[in-house]
Amino acid sequence: MQKRTIVTMPGDGIGKVVLSETIRVLEAVGFEADYVHADIGWDFWCQEGNPLPQRTIDLIEKHRVGLFGAITSKPNNEAQEELASHLQNQGLTYFSPIVKLRQHFDLDICIRPCKSFTGNPLNFIRRTADGGIEEPPVNAVVFRQNTEGLYAGVEWTNPPRELRDELEKHARMAFFKEVPSEDLALSTRVFSREACRRIVKQAFLYAKKHGHKSVTICEKPNVLRETSGMLEEEAAKIAKDFPEIALYSNNIDAQMMWLTKNPEDTEVIVAGNMFGDIISDGFAGLVGGLGFACSANIGDDCAVFEPTHGSAPKYEAYSTSIVNPIAMVMSAKMMLDYLDELPKAQRIENAIAKTIAACEVQTYDMKKMRGREDVVEKGAASTKQMVDAIIANL
């Protein structure tokens, strides 16, 4: 098989260590690749006024597959203060580099598996009717629309007069007619029919491939009638091509309530950007938290894989890294799935499962300890020790 080239983007904070440790796992499982480093993140905002330099975009344009670590984002006032002095007052505005990557390469399909591993002390448990305890298996996969919705970035503070004039033709804007423009902020929720079709179809194809029996649209059509309604409308059309898979619809608020009642009943979820973000973090909490939350951002011929956790900059300063690398390793496993390296991908997941089931090597979060520098001395595994155990179980 042809040797791959993978663009590696460590980013900020703990992204640097979990990515480098994950490459050890990929090498140990026999995945042959050249890894090309690419700059992204807060340092490049501060030094260059651009957290996603063009040179990084060029590398992804060329190689089409990326592994991404984590990013630091701060409010606009802090972002301005931390710019290099020669860049201040130049009209530069901070933007999320991962959001820009998704939009630039049209990585509109975000897949976030949330699967519980036997033996994980952080798994969700509930009481039974007779007062006992049970641990339902969770295996939900969230398909989150990546490039539209509230994250499309079409928003204003102090909207221009011509925009207000158009908006005020809508009867519901009468409520805000007396609000001065300087006291008004607007964020639009944009859905397109083609993007709705694409993500729903991908969700059904995934369900069929992996043996899932249902797809659930998780939106708010009783309030967001136009956007949520369009997604539901297109889902109903596509569902006709998959008669063996049931199509359900749950409001996001109801879904969050049911999250801890019967999570094992939910299989594949489709949602817009914001609701998909919320529900995937909710399910991640049932399977161990962000230390286990992996994701893929996929377009027609380009993909970037990342854990969903942040950069946790305080942990970067620790002399020994204590963070859980499993989310990053599972993201790399998703990359192998995408590249049709299925046996290697399965070996990695099996090794993670075996490591967790043994209950011998556990990071501080799995031991329910506070994230302090002395946790390794108190029996928690370091990042490296967890990766060592996963490699040993390959």
Protein backbone atom coordinates (compact mmCIF):
# COMPACT_ATOMS: atom_id res chain seq x y z
CA MET A 1 0.00 0.00 0.00
CA GLN A 2 1.20 3.49 -0.84
CA LYS A 3 2.79 5.34 2.06
CA ARG A 4 0.55 8.14 3.34
CA THR A 5 1.43 11.70 4.24
CA ILE A 6 -0.45 13.02 7.27
CA VAL A 7 -0.51 16.71 8.17
CA THR A 8 -0.06 16.97 11.94
CA MET A 9 -1.33 20.09 13.70
CA PRO A 10 -0.49 19.88 17.42
CA GLY A 11 -1.95 23.30 18.17
CA ASP A 12 -1.87 24.51 21.76
CA GLY A 13 -1.44 23.18 25.27
CA ILE A 14 -2.02 19.47 25.69
CA GLY A 15 -2.62 19.06 21.98
CA LYS A 16 1.14 18.88 21.54
CA VAL A 17 1.67 15.91 23.85
CA VAL A 18 -1.43 13.85 22.99
CA LEU A 19 -0.67 14.11 19.28
CA SER A 20 2.96 13.04 19.62
CA GLU A 21 1.95 10.12 21.86
CA THR A 22 -0.75 9.08 19.39
CA ILE A 23 1.79 8.89 16.58
CA ARG A 24 3.61 6.29 18.71
CA VAL A 25 0.46 4.17 18.66
CA LEU A 26 0.09 4.54 14.89
CA GLU A 27 3.69 3.48 14.37
CA ALA A 28 3.32 0.56 16.77
CA VAL A 29 0.27 -0.78 14.94
CA GLY A 30 2.23 -0.73 11.69
CA PHE A 31 0.69 2.29 9.97
CA GLU A 32 3.35 3.66 7.64
CA ALA A 33 3.18 7.38 7.02
CA ASP A 34 5.18 10.54 6.70
CA TYR A 35 4.06 13.12 9.24
CA VAL A 36 4.33 16.74 8.13
CA HIS A 37 4.10 19.36 10.87
CA ALA A 38 1.80 22.33 10.31
CA ASP A 39 1.45 25.53 12.33
CA ILE A 40 -1.89 26.36 13.93
CA GLY A 41 -3.09 27.98 17.12
CA TRP A 42 -2.72 30.76 19.63
CA ASP A 43 1.02 31.34 19.23
CA PHE A 44 0.54 32.14 15.56
CA TRP A 45 -2.29 34.53 16.35
CA CYS A 46 -0.03 36.36 18.80
CA GLN A 47 3.03 36.38 16.55
CA GLU A 48 1.49 36.71 13.10
CA GLY A 49 -2.10 37.83 13.64
CA ASN A 50 -3.32 34.60 12.02
CA PRO A 51 -3.99 31.37 13.96
CA LEU A 52 -4.29 29.45 10.67
CA PRO A 53 -1.40 30.50 8.41
CA GLN A 54 -1.75 30.05 4.67
CA ARG A 55 1.21 27.62 4.71
CA THR A 56 -0.90 25.22 6.81
CA ILE A 57 -3.85 25.50 4.45
CA ASP A 58 -1.47 24.76 1.57
CA LEU A 59 -0.22 21.57 3.25
CA ILE A 60 -3.75 20.27 3.76
CA GLU A 61 -4.64 21.23 0.19
CA LYS A 62 -1.79 19.01 -0.92
CA HIS A 63 -2.12 16.00 1.37
CA ARG A 64 -5.89 16.03 2.21
CA VAL A 65 -5.66 14.28 5.61
CA GLY A 66 -4.88 15.94 8.93
CA LEU A 67 -4.53 15.05 12.62
CA PHE A 68 -5.30 17.96 14.92
CA GLY A 69 -4.52 18.30 18.63
CA ALA A 70 -6.25 21.15 20.46
CA ILE A 71 -6.70 24.89 20.30
CA THR A 72 -6.74 27.80 22.73
CA SER A 73 -9.40 30.45 22.20
CA LYS A 74 -9.94 33.59 24.28
CA PRO A 75 -12.43 36.47 24.26
CA ASN A 76 -11.77 39.20 21.72
CA ASN A 77 -10.44 41.74 24.24
CA GLU A 78 -7.83 39.26 25.51
CA ALA A 79 -6.97 38.24 21.97
CA GLN A 80 -6.25 41.86 21.09
CA GLU A 81 -4.12 42.39 24.18
CA GLU A 82 -1.93 39.37 23.45
CA LEU A 83 -1.15 40.35 19.87
CA ALA A 84 2.44 41.36 19.22
CA SER A 85 2.77 45.13 19.60
CA HIS A 86 3.37 45.74 15.89
CA LEU A 87 0.10 43.95 15.05
CA GLN A 88 -2.15 45.80 17.45
CA ASN A 89 -4.64 48.35 16.15
CA GLN A 90 -4.41 46.83 12.68
CA GLY A 91 -8.05 45.72 12.53
CA LEU A 92 -7.18 42.05 13.04
CA THR A 93 -9.93 39.83 14.48
CA TYR A 94 -9.35 36.43 16.06
CA PHE A 95 -11.26 33.50 14.54
CA SER A 96 -11.36 29.82 15.41
CA PRO A 97 -8.86 28.08 13.13
CA ILE A 98 -10.66 24.74 13.30
CA VAL A 99 -13.94 26.40 12.24
CA LYS A 100 -12.11 28.07 9.36
CA LEU A 101 -10.56 24.75 8.35
CA ARG A 102 -14.00 23.15 8.26
CA GLN A 103 -15.41 25.92 6.12
CA HIS A 104 -12.42 26.32 3.80
CA PHE A 105 -12.32 22.60 2.94
CA ASP A 106 -16.09 22.12 3.30
CA LEU A 107 -15.62 19.50 6.02
CA ASP A 108 -19.34 19.54 6.59
CA ILE A 109 -19.77 16.08 8.13
CA CYS A 110 -18.67 15.84 11.76
CA ILE A 111 -18.85 12.34 13.25
CA ARG A 112 -18.59 11.94 17.02
CA PRO A 113 -18.83 8.35 18.32
CA CYS A 114 -19.68 8.02 22.03
CA LYS A 115 -19.03 4.41 23.05
CA SER A 116 -18.62 3.05 26.56
CA PHE A 117 -15.75 0.65 27.30
CA THR A 118 -16.26 -2.12 29.84
CA GLY A 119 -14.34 -1.41 33.03
CA ASN A 120 -14.25 2.37 32.70
CA PRO A 121 -15.10 3.70 36.17
CA LEU A 122 -16.48 6.87 34.55
CA ASN A 123 -19.24 5.05 32.64
CA PHE A 124 -22.84 6.06 33.31
CA ILE A 125 -24.75 3.94 35.82
CA ARG A 126 -28.37 4.09 37.02
CA ARG A 127 -30.58 2.53 39.64
CA THR A 128 -32.94 -0.29 38.79
CA ALA A 129 -36.51 -0.53 40.03
CA ASP A 130 -35.45 -2.91 42.82
CA GLY A 131 -32.77 -0.51 44.05
CA GLY A 132 -29.83 -2.18 42.32
CA ILE A 133 -27.29 -0.65 39.96
CA GLU A 134 -26.93 -1.25 36.24
CA GLU A 135 -24.53 0.07 33.62
CA PRO A 136 -26.27 0.31 30.24
CA PRO A 137 -23.97 0.03 27.22
CA VAL A 138 -23.77 3.32 25.32
CA ASN A 139 -22.96 3.30 21.62
CA ALA A 140 -24.30 6.52 20.13
CA VAL A 141 -22.86 8.27 17.09
CA VAL A 142 -23.59 11.95 16.54
CA PHE A 143 -23.56 13.37 13.01
CA ARG A 144 -23.14 17.11 13.50
CA GLN A 145 -23.45 19.55 10.59
CA ASN A 146 -20.11 21.34 10.62
CA THR A 147 -20.20 24.36 8.34
CA GLU A 148 -23.62 25.96 8.65
CA GLY A 149 -26.07 26.70 11.47
CA LEU A 150 -25.06 29.16 14.17
CA TYR A 151 -21.38 28.47 13.49
CA ALA A 152 -21.55 29.85 9.96
CA GLY A 153 -20.29 33.15 11.37
CA VAL A 154 -22.95 35.36 9.79
CA GLU A 155 -23.46 37.77 12.68
CA TRP A 156 -23.28 41.41 13.64
CA THR A 157 -23.00 43.68 16.63
CA ASN A 158 -24.47 47.08 15.81
CA PRO A 159 -25.98 45.85 12.51
CA PRO A 160 -25.93 48.31 9.59
CA ARG A 161 -29.03 50.32 8.87
CA GLU A 162 -29.79 48.59 5.57
CA LEU A 163 -29.77 45.21 7.33
CA ARG A 164 -32.14 46.48 10.01
CA ASP A 165 -34.45 47.87 7.37
CA GLU A 166 -34.74 44.46 5.75
CA LEU A 167 -35.14 42.59 9.02
CA GLU A 168 -37.84 44.92 10.23
CA LYS A 169 -40.01 43.85 7.33
CA HIS A 170 -40.49 40.66 9.36
CA ALA A 171 -43.35 40.99 11.83
CA ARG A 172 -41.38 39.40 14.68
CA MET A 173 -38.77 42.17 14.54
CA ALA A 174 -41.35 44.66 15.83
CA PHE A 175 -40.39 43.60 19.36
CA PHE A 176 -36.87 45.01 18.80
CA LYS A 177 -37.83 48.10 16.80
CA GLU A 178 -36.97 50.52 19.61
CA VAL A 179 -33.64 48.88 20.49
CA PRO A 180 -30.71 51.06 19.30
CA SER A 181 -28.47 49.29 16.81
CA GLU A 182 -25.44 49.72 19.06
CA ASP A 183 -27.30 47.67 21.69
CA LEU A 184 -28.25 44.90 19.27
CA ALA A 185 -26.33 41.72 18.36
CA LEU A 186 -27.52 39.30 15.70
CA SER A 187 -26.40 35.74 14.93
CA THR A 188 -28.05 33.93 12.04
CA ARG A 189 -28.80 30.21 11.81
CA VAL A 190 -28.26 29.20 8.20
CA PHE A 191 -29.27 25.81 6.78
CA SER A 192 -29.06 24.83 3.12
CA ARG A 193 -31.07 21.98 1.63
CA GLU A 194 -28.08 20.28 0.01
CA ALA A 195 -26.11 20.24 3.27
CA CYS A 196 -29.15 18.78 5.06
CA ARG A 197 -29.42 16.05 2.45
CA ARG A 198 -25.74 15.25 2.61
CA ILE A 199 -25.45 14.80 6.37
CA VAL A 200 -28.67 12.80 6.67
CA LYS A 201 -27.62 10.48 3.85
CA GLN A 202 -24.20 9.95 5.43
CA ALA A 203 -25.86 9.13 8.75
CA PHE A 204 -28.11 6.52 7.14
CA LEU A 205 -25.19 5.00 5.22
CA TYR A 206 -23.21 4.79 8.45
CA ALA A 207 -26.14 3.19 10.26
CA LYS A 208 -26.50 0.60 7.49
CA LYS A 209 -22.78 -0.19 7.42
CA HIS A 210 -22.49 -0.61 11.19
CA GLY A 211 -25.77 -2.42 11.81
CA HIS A 212 -27.65 0.36 13.60
CA LYS A 213 -31.43 0.16 13.51
CA SER A 214 -32.37 3.83 13.85
CA VAL A 215 -31.45 7.41 12.97
CA THR A 216 -32.78 10.25 15.13
CA ILE A 217 -33.06 13.88 14.05
CA CYS A 218 -32.30 15.98 17.14
CA GLU A 219 -33.48 19.54 16.55
CA LYS A 220 -36.19 22.01 17.68
CA PRO A 221 -38.74 22.19 14.83
CA ASN A 222 -41.58 23.45 17.03
CA VAL A 223 -39.64 26.72 17.53
CA LEU A 224 -36.97 26.84 14.81
CA ARG A 225 -39.55 25.94 12.21
CA GLU A 226 -37.65 26.90 9.07
CA THR A 227 -34.17 25.49 9.74
CA SER A 228 -35.05 22.45 11.86
CA GLY A 229 -38.04 21.90 9.60
CA MET A 230 -35.85 21.74 6.50
CA LEU A 231 -33.58 19.11 8.09
CA GLU A 232 -36.57 16.99 9.11
CA GLU A 233 -38.15 17.35 5.67
CA GLU A 234 -35.04 16.12 3.89
CA ALA A 235 -34.57 13.29 6.40
CA ALA A 236 -38.08 12.00 5.66
CA LYS A 237 -37.25 11.86 1.95
CA ILE A 238 -33.93 10.06 2.40
CA ALA A 239 -35.36 7.59 4.92
CA LYS A 240 -37.48 6.09 2.12
CA ASP A 241 -34.28 4.66 0.62
CA PHE A 242 -33.46 2.86 3.90
CA PRO A 243 -36.67 1.04 4.90
CA GLU A 244 -34.78 -1.24 7.29
CA ILE A 245 -33.69 1.76 9.43
CA ALA A 246 -36.23 3.62 11.57
CA LEU A 247 -36.29 7.42 11.48
CA TYR A 248 -37.14 9.23 14.72
CA SER A 249 -37.31 12.89 15.72
CA ASN A 250 -36.55 14.22 19.20
CA ASN A 251 -36.43 17.82 20.34
CA ILE A 252 -32.99 18.70 21.70
CA ASP A 253 -34.36 19.53 25.17
CA ALA A 254 -36.27 16.26 25.40
CA GLN A 255 -33.23 14.34 24.14
CA MET A 256 -31.09 15.85 26.88
CA MET A 257 -33.68 14.74 29.46
CA TRP A 258 -33.73 11.20 28.06
CA LEU A 259 -29.95 11.14 27.90
CA THR A 260 -29.65 9.63 31.38
CA LYS A 261 -32.88 7.62 31.28
CA ASN A 262 -32.24 5.29 28.35
CA PRO A 263 -29.04 6.21 26.50
CA GLU A 264 -28.69 2.67 25.17
CA ASP A 265 -31.75 3.23 22.96
CA THR A 266 -30.09 5.98 20.93
CA GLU A 267 -27.95 4.88 18.00
CA VAL A 268 -27.28 7.47 15.26
CA ILE A 269 -28.17 11.14 15.79
CA VAL A 270 -28.24 13.94 13.21
CA ALA A 271 -28.26 17.58 14.30
CA GLY A 272 -27.28 21.06 13.24
CA ASN A 273 -24.03 22.54 14.44
CA MET A 274 -24.99 23.92 17.85
CA PHE A 275 -27.36 21.14 18.90
CA GLY A 276 -24.89 18.55 17.63
CA ASP A 277 -22.18 20.12 19.76
CA ILE A 278 -24.41 20.00 22.83
CA ILE A 279 -25.71 16.46 22.42
CA SER A 280 -22.27 15.00 21.61
CA ASP A 281 -20.78 16.46 24.79
CA GLY A 282 -23.79 15.13 26.70
CA PHE A 283 -23.17 11.61 25.42
CA ALA A 284 -19.43 11.99 25.99
CA GLY A 285 -20.22 12.57 29.66
CA LEU A 286 -21.87 9.14 29.79
CA VAL A 287 -18.80 7.31 28.48
CA GLY A 288 -16.06 8.98 30.50
CA GLY A 289 -15.95 12.63 29.51
CA LEU A 290 -13.82 14.57 27.07
CA GLY A 291 -10.84 12.27 27.64
CA PHE A 292 -12.74 9.72 25.54
CA ALA A 293 -14.42 12.04 23.01
CA CYS A 294 -13.07 11.66 19.47
CA SER A 295 -14.29 13.15 16.20
CA ALA A 296 -13.86 13.33 12.46
CA ASN A 297 -14.41 16.30 10.13
CA ILE A 298 -15.03 14.93 6.65
CA GLY A 299 -15.56 16.50 3.23
CA ASP A 300 -15.71 15.04 -0.26
CA ASP A 301 -11.98 14.30 -0.50
CA CYS A 302 -10.44 15.82 2.63
CA ALA A 303 -10.64 15.02 6.34
CA VAL A 304 -9.28 16.26 9.67
CA PHE A 305 -9.47 14.18 12.86
CA GLU A 306 -9.41 15.63 16.37
CA PRO A 307 -10.35 15.04 20.00
CA THR A 308 -13.13 17.34 21.13
CA HIS A 309 -11.36 18.51 24.30
CA GLY A 310 -9.66 21.87 24.63
CA SER A 311 -6.02 22.77 25.09
CA ALA A 312 -6.05 22.77 28.93
CA PRO A 313 -2.99 25.05 29.07
CA LYS A 314 -2.38 24.62 32.80
CA TYR A 315 -1.50 20.96 32.25
CA GLU A 316 1.11 21.82 29.62
CA ALA A 317 3.29 23.33 32.34
CA TYR A 318 3.41 20.11 34.39
CA SER A 319 6.76 18.32 34.34
CA THR A 320 4.95 15.05 33.60
CA SER A 321 1.91 15.08 31.34
CA ILE A 322 -1.13 13.66 33.15
CA VAL A 323 -3.87 14.07 30.52
CA ASN A 324 -5.87 11.20 29.11
CA PRO A 325 -4.72 10.51 25.51
CA ILE A 326 -7.53 8.12 24.58
CA ALA A 327 -9.66 10.75 22.78
CA MET A 328 -6.72 11.59 20.53
CA VAL A 329 -5.84 7.93 19.96
CA MET A 330 -9.46 7.14 19.08
CA SER A 331 -9.46 10.09 16.67
CA ALA A 332 -6.45 8.52 14.94
CA LYS A 333 -8.37 5.23 14.88
CA MET A 334 -11.16 7.08 13.04
CA MET A 335 -8.54 8.33 10.58
CA LEU A 336 -7.50 4.74 9.87
CA ASP A 337 -11.15 3.82 9.28
CA TYR A 338 -11.38 6.68 6.78
CA LEU A 339 -8.21 5.49 5.02
CA ASP A 340 -9.57 1.91 4.81
CA GLU A 341 -6.91 0.66 7.21
CA LEU A 342 -9.66 -1.30 8.97
CA PRO A 343 -7.65 -4.12 10.62
CA LYS A 344 -5.21 -1.61 12.14
CA ALA A 345 -8.08 0.59 13.30
CA GLN A 346 -9.78 -2.36 14.98
CA ARG A 347 -6.55 -3.43 16.67
CA ILE A 348 -6.22 0.03 18.23
CA GLU A 349 -9.79 0.00 19.53
CA ASN A 350 -9.35 -3.53 20.85
CA ALA A 351 -6.13 -2.50 22.62
CA ILE A 352 -7.87 0.47 24.26
CA ALA A 353 -10.74 -1.78 25.34
CA LYS A 354 -8.32 -4.34 26.80
CA THR A 355 -6.35 -1.64 28.64
CA ILE A 356 -9.50 -0.16 30.20
CA ALA A 357 -10.99 -3.55 31.09
CA ALA A 358 -7.85 -4.56 32.99
CA CYS A 359 -8.38 -1.60 35.39
CA GLU A 360 -4.64 -1.48 36.05
CA VAL A 361 -3.57 1.65 34.13
CA GLN A 362 -5.86 4.63 34.68
CA THR A 363 -5.28 8.34 34.14
CA TYR A 364 -6.26 10.81 36.85
CA ASP A 365 -9.74 11.39 35.40
CA MET A 366 -10.44 7.66 35.44
CA LYS A 367 -9.35 7.56 39.06
CA LYS A 368 -11.65 10.52 39.79
CA MET A 369 -8.75 12.62 41.05
CA ARG A 370 -8.28 16.35 40.74
CA GLY A 371 -5.95 17.27 37.87
CA ARG A 372 -2.91 18.19 39.94
CA GLU A 373 0.75 17.70 39.21
CA ASP A 374 1.20 15.05 41.91
CA VAL A 375 -1.44 12.60 40.65
CA VAL A 376 1.15 10.28 39.11
CA GLU A 377 2.87 9.99 42.49
CA LYS A 378 -0.51 9.03 43.92
CA GLY A 379 -1.08 6.18 41.48
CA ALA A 380 -2.51 7.72 38.34
CA ALA A 381 -0.98 6.88 34.98
CA SER A 382 0.80 9.58 33.04
CA THR A 383 -0.08 10.24 29.42
CA LYS A 384 2.95 8.22 28.33
CA GLN A 385 2.14 5.32 30.64
CA MET A 386 -1.38 5.06 29.25
CA VAL A 387 -0.01 5.01 25.70
CA ASP A 388 2.61 2.43 26.72
CA ALA A 389 -0.20 0.20 28.01
CA ILE A 390 -2.25 0.60 24.82
CA ILE A 391 0.79 -0.29 22.72
CA ALA A 392 1.50 -3.33 24.90
CA ASN A 393 -2.07 -4.51 24.31
CA LEU A 394 -1.87 -4.22 20.53
